[in-house]
Amino acid sequence: VANILLAHAGRGGGGGAAGAAVEIARAAARSWLAPLLDTACDRLAYVLRNLFDLAAERNKNNESLD
């Protein structure tokens, strides 16, 4: 927290504590949400991979019936 406050002040950040508070909130959100987002992306990739496999199998079966 102190490093963010110092870095914000060193940049001439207008808003002082309010601007630093925004940066702290963003950093906290990133650290909390990043693992959740990674997990969600992994699960979505798994579902999409299975849907693609099912579509390819269905297409193959439809071609063999023709």
C-alpha atoms as a PDB file:
ATOM      1  CA  VAL A   1       0.000   0.000   0.000  1.00  0.00           C
ATOM      2  CA  ALA A   2       2.768   2.432   0.923  1.00  0.00           C
ATOM      3  CA  ASN A   3       4.572   1.753  -2.357  1.00  0.00           C
ATOM      4  CA  ILE A   4       1.431   2.522  -4.340  1.00  0.00           C
ATOM      5  CA  LEU A   5       0.902   5.756  -2.413  1.00  0.00           C
ATOM      6  CA  LEU A   6       4.524   6.802  -2.977  1.00  0.00           C
ATOM      7  CA  ALA A   7       4.450   5.881  -6.657  1.00  0.00           C
ATOM      8  CA  HIS A   8       1.205   7.750  -7.147  1.00  0.00           C
ATOM      9  CA  ALA A   9       2.552  10.843  -5.403  1.00  0.00           C
ATOM     10  CA  GLY A  10       5.823  10.650  -7.363  1.00  0.00           C
ATOM     11  CA  ARG A  11       3.962  10.752 -10.667  1.00  0.00           C
ATOM     12  CA  GLY A  12       2.251  13.930  -9.695  1.00  0.00           C
ATOM     13  CA  GLY A  13      -1.008  12.036  -9.478  1.00  0.00           C
ATOM     14  CA  GLY A  14      -3.821  14.479  -8.990  1.00  0.00           C
ATOM     15  CA  GLY A  15      -6.382  13.393  -6.493  1.00  0.00           C
ATOM     16  CA  GLY A  16      -3.801  12.199  -3.991  1.00  0.00           C
ATOM     17  CA  ALA A  17      -5.312   9.583  -1.730  1.00  0.00           C
ATOM     18  CA  ALA A  18      -8.366   9.128  -3.948  1.00  0.00           C
ATOM     19  CA  GLY A  19      -6.218   8.266  -6.962  1.00  0.00           C
ATOM     20  CA  ALA A  20      -4.105   5.921  -4.886  1.00  0.00           C
ATOM     21  CA  ALA A  21      -7.259   4.304  -3.513  1.00  0.00           C
ATOM     22  CA  VAL A  22      -8.408   3.610  -7.062  1.00  0.00           C
ATOM     23  CA  GLU A  23      -5.085   1.955  -7.858  1.00  0.00           C
ATOM     24  CA  ILE A  24      -5.219  -0.114  -4.666  1.00  0.00           C
ATOM     25  CA  ALA A  25      -8.764  -1.239  -5.485  1.00  0.00           C
ATOM     26  CA  ARG A  26      -7.749  -2.194  -9.024  1.00  0.00           C
ATOM     27  CA  ALA A  27      -4.740  -4.163  -7.796  1.00  0.00           C
ATOM     28  CA  ALA A  28      -6.891  -5.977  -5.243  1.00  0.00           C
ATOM     29  CA  ALA A  29      -9.525  -6.760  -7.864  1.00  0.00           C
ATOM     30  CA  ARG A  30      -6.871  -8.142 -10.212  1.00  0.00           C
ATOM     31  CA  SER A  31      -5.368 -10.357  -7.522  1.00  0.00           C
ATOM     32  CA  TRP A  32      -8.785 -11.690  -6.477  1.00  0.00           C
ATOM     33  CA  LEU A  33     -10.373 -12.014  -9.898  1.00  0.00           C
ATOM     34  CA  ALA A  34      -7.444 -13.334 -11.923  1.00  0.00           C
ATOM     35  CA  PRO A  35      -7.613 -16.898 -10.522  1.00  0.00           C
ATOM     36  CA  LEU A  36     -11.388 -16.969 -10.987  1.00  0.00           C
ATOM     37  CA  LEU A  37     -11.052 -15.738 -14.549  1.00  0.00           C
ATOM     38  CA  ASP A  38      -8.360 -18.329 -15.288  1.00  0.00           C
ATOM     39  CA  THR A  39     -10.598 -21.107 -13.967  1.00  0.00           C
ATOM     40  CA  ALA A  40     -13.588 -19.843 -15.939  1.00  0.00           C
ATOM     41  CA  CYS A  41     -11.505 -19.697 -19.133  1.00  0.00           C
ATOM     42  CA  ASP A  42     -10.198 -23.231 -18.567  1.00  0.00           C
ATOM     43  CA  ARG A  43     -13.722 -24.556 -18.074  1.00  0.00           C
ATOM     44  CA  LEU A  44     -15.026 -22.698 -21.110  1.00  0.00           C
ATOM     45  CA  ALA A  45     -12.176 -24.087 -23.217  1.00  0.00           C
ATOM     46  CA  TYR A  46     -13.055 -27.610 -22.032  1.00  0.00           C
ATOM     47  CA  VAL A  47     -16.724 -27.149 -22.959  1.00  0.00           C
ATOM     48  CA  LEU A  48     -15.902 -25.640 -26.354  1.00  0.00           C
ATOM     49  CA  ARG A  49     -13.429 -28.441 -27.094  1.00  0.00           C
ATOM     50  CA  ASN A  50     -16.103 -31.048 -26.312  1.00  0.00           C
ATOM     51  CA  LEU A  51     -18.701 -29.224 -28.407  1.00  0.00           C
ATOM     52  CA  PHE A  52     -16.280 -29.102 -31.325  1.00  0.00           C
ATOM     53  CA  ASP A  53     -15.572 -32.833 -30.970  1.00  0.00           C
ATOM     54  CA  LEU A  54     -19.307 -33.602 -30.871  1.00  0.00           C
ATOM     55  CA  ALA A  55     -19.955 -31.449 -33.938  1.00  0.00           C
ATOM     56  CA  ALA A  56     -17.136 -33.131 -35.848  1.00  0.00           C
ATOM     57  CA  GLU A  57     -18.438 -36.584 -34.900  1.00  0.00           C
ATOM     58  CA  ARG A  58     -21.994 -35.635 -35.881  1.00  0.00           C
ATOM     59  CA  ASN A  59     -20.778 -34.294 -39.218  1.00  0.00           C
ATOM     60  CA  LYS A  60     -18.827 -37.487 -39.844  1.00  0.00           C
ATOM     61  CA  ASN A  61     -21.886 -39.622 -39.029  1.00  0.00           C
ATOM     62  CA  ASN A  62     -24.122 -37.528 -41.293  1.00  0.00           C
ATOM     63  CA  GLU A  63     -21.654 -37.890 -44.167  1.00  0.00           C
ATOM     64  CA  SER A  64     -21.570 -41.672 -43.756  1.00  0.00           C
ATOM     65  CA  LEU A  65     -25.387 -41.839 -43.946  1.00  0.00           C
ATOM     66  CA  ASP A  66     -25.487 -39.978 -47.274  1.00  0.00           C
END
